[in-house]
Amino acid sequence: MKLITKNTDYAIRALLFMAKKKDKMWTVLKLAKDLKIPKAFLRKIFQMLNKEKIIASYKGKNGGFKLTLQEDKILFIDLIKIFQGPINIVDCAVRTKLCPDMKKCILKGKLKKIENYIASELKSITIKSLLEK
């Protein structure tokens, strides 16, 4: 199981970079070059972040992207949900087919506790908290 995919990693790296100079307008080309992220990949990530209103896009000669949310409002768990969907380690980790014993499964309860703990911890991580490290 991979907790963080490339999309999520690249989104976090780009948002951290942008947050350091939050009043500046950023182009995909500039960020892709500075962060060494493929431009087409970053463009798709920015389309999703724009759709979720985390960043805004501005057209024209001096256009680009800018953060729309404060750094303390951009939650790590929300970025995971945007790019990977909800955190779900319980949907049976042991078998490839849905288990007929899911309601009685001992392992399911233990994994659900771990899943809830992970989600709780991820809710406390924001772009701001990562900048303060």
Protein backbone atom coordinates (compact mmCIF):
# COMPACT_ATOMS: atom_id res chain seq x y z
CA MET A 1 0.00 0.00 0.00
CA LYS A 2 1.32 3.38 -0.97
CA LEU A 3 0.11 6.14 1.32
CA ILE A 4 1.21 9.01 -0.93
CA THR A 5 1.17 8.86 -4.72
CA LYS A 6 3.23 11.00 -7.09
CA ASN A 7 0.25 13.29 -7.76
CA THR A 8 -0.15 14.04 -4.06
CA ASP A 9 3.60 14.44 -3.54
CA TYR A 10 3.93 16.84 -6.48
CA ALA A 11 0.88 18.83 -5.35
CA ILE A 12 2.33 19.25 -1.85
CA ARG A 13 5.74 20.25 -3.20
CA ALA A 14 4.17 22.83 -5.53
CA LEU A 15 1.88 24.25 -2.83
CA LEU A 16 4.76 24.53 -0.36
CA PHE A 17 6.84 26.34 -2.98
CA MET A 18 3.96 28.72 -3.78
CA ALA A 19 3.18 29.35 -0.11
CA LYS A 20 6.70 30.66 0.54
CA LYS A 21 5.85 33.59 -1.76
CA LYS A 22 2.09 33.50 -1.59
CA ASP A 23 1.44 36.86 -3.25
CA LYS A 24 3.38 35.90 -6.36
CA MET A 25 1.77 34.57 -9.53
CA TRP A 26 3.28 31.25 -10.64
CA THR A 27 3.35 29.66 -14.06
CA VAL A 28 3.36 25.92 -14.55
CA LEU A 29 6.53 26.25 -16.61
CA LYS A 30 8.40 28.08 -13.81
CA LEU A 31 7.26 25.68 -11.10
CA ALA A 32 7.92 22.59 -13.23
CA LYS A 33 11.44 23.81 -13.91
CA ASP A 34 12.22 24.81 -10.30
CA LEU A 35 10.69 21.68 -8.77
CA LYS A 36 11.85 19.29 -11.52
CA ILE A 37 8.31 18.02 -12.12
CA PRO A 38 7.12 17.15 -15.65
CA LYS A 39 5.19 20.15 -16.98
CA ALA A 40 2.24 18.13 -18.35
CA PHE A 41 1.92 16.27 -15.04
CA LEU A 42 1.97 19.52 -13.03
CA ARG A 43 -0.57 21.12 -15.37
CA LYS A 44 -3.05 18.28 -14.65
CA ILE A 45 -2.41 18.60 -10.91
CA PHE A 46 -3.06 22.35 -11.09
CA GLN A 47 -6.30 21.79 -13.00
CA MET A 48 -7.52 19.62 -10.12
CA LEU A 49 -6.33 22.08 -7.45
CA ASN A 50 -8.03 24.90 -9.35
CA LYS A 51 -11.27 22.89 -9.58
CA GLU A 52 -11.12 22.35 -5.80
CA LYS A 53 -10.50 26.11 -5.31
CA ILE A 54 -7.16 25.61 -3.56
CA ILE A 55 -5.48 27.68 -6.24
CA ALA A 56 -6.89 30.06 -8.84
CA SER A 57 -5.83 30.44 -12.44
CA TYR A 58 -5.46 33.79 -14.14
CA LYS A 59 -5.27 34.12 -17.91
CA GLY A 60 -3.33 36.61 -19.94
CA LYS A 61 0.20 37.89 -20.36
CA ASN A 62 0.87 38.11 -16.63
CA GLY A 63 -1.31 35.12 -15.79
CA GLY A 64 -0.56 32.02 -13.85
CA PHE A 65 -1.65 30.43 -10.61
CA LYS A 66 -2.00 31.74 -7.10
CA LEU A 67 -3.04 30.22 -3.77
CA THR A 68 -6.64 31.01 -2.86
CA LEU A 69 -6.66 29.36 0.55
CA GLN A 70 -4.58 30.27 3.57
CA GLU A 71 -1.80 27.78 4.29
CA ASP A 72 -3.50 26.63 7.50
CA LYS A 73 -6.68 25.76 5.54
CA ILE A 74 -4.94 23.44 3.07
CA LEU A 75 -5.09 20.05 4.79
CA PHE A 76 -2.85 17.17 3.82
CA ILE A 77 -5.76 14.74 4.13
CA ASP A 78 -7.80 16.83 1.65
CA LEU A 79 -4.97 16.64 -0.88
CA ILE A 80 -4.84 12.86 -0.45
CA LYS A 81 -8.61 12.69 -1.01
CA ILE A 82 -8.40 14.88 -4.13
CA PHE A 83 -5.67 12.82 -5.79
CA GLN A 84 -6.18 9.35 -4.31
CA GLY A 85 -9.66 9.16 -2.89
CA PRO A 86 -10.53 8.38 0.73
CA ILE A 87 -8.08 6.57 2.96
CA ASN A 88 -9.21 2.99 3.07
CA ILE A 89 -7.02 0.18 4.34
CA VAL A 90 -9.89 -2.00 5.53
CA ASP A 91 -11.45 -2.91 2.18
CA CYS A 92 -10.04 -6.23 2.70
CA ALA A 93 -6.30 -6.06 2.86
CA VAL A 94 -5.99 -9.83 3.13
CA ARG A 95 -7.92 -11.10 0.09
CA THR A 96 -8.42 -9.96 -3.46
CA LYS A 97 -12.15 -10.78 -3.40
CA LEU A 98 -14.56 -9.33 -0.90
CA CYS A 99 -14.55 -11.61 2.10
CA PRO A 100 -17.86 -13.25 3.10
CA ASP A 101 -16.83 -12.93 6.77
CA MET A 102 -16.33 -9.13 6.74
CA LYS A 103 -18.90 -8.56 9.51
CA LYS A 104 -17.17 -11.04 11.86
CA CYS A 105 -13.58 -10.37 10.80
CA ILE A 106 -11.18 -9.81 13.70
CA LEU A 107 -8.58 -8.18 11.46
CA LYS A 108 -11.10 -5.67 10.09
CA GLY A 109 -11.62 -4.07 13.52
CA LYS A 110 -7.88 -3.71 14.09
CA LEU A 111 -7.31 -2.23 10.62
CA LYS A 112 -10.22 0.18 11.06
CA LYS A 113 -8.59 1.54 14.25
CA ILE A 114 -5.33 2.03 12.35
CA GLU A 115 -7.18 3.73 9.48
CA ASN A 116 -8.96 6.11 11.90
CA TYR A 117 -5.66 6.92 13.63
CA ILE A 118 -3.94 7.67 10.31
CA ALA A 119 -6.84 9.90 9.19
CA SER A 120 -6.80 11.73 12.53
CA GLU A 121 -3.07 12.41 12.29
CA LEU A 122 -3.30 13.53 8.66
CA LYS A 123 -6.03 16.06 9.56
CA SER A 124 -3.50 17.88 11.74
CA ILE A 125 -1.01 18.40 8.90
CA THR A 126 -1.42 21.58 6.87
CA ILE A 127 0.76 23.39 4.37
CA LYS A 128 1.45 25.93 7.12
CA SER A 129 2.57 23.25 9.59
CA LEU A 130 4.92 21.81 6.95
CA LEU A 131 6.41 25.26 6.32
CA GLU A 132 7.14 25.67 10.02
CA LYS A 133 9.32 22.55 10.18
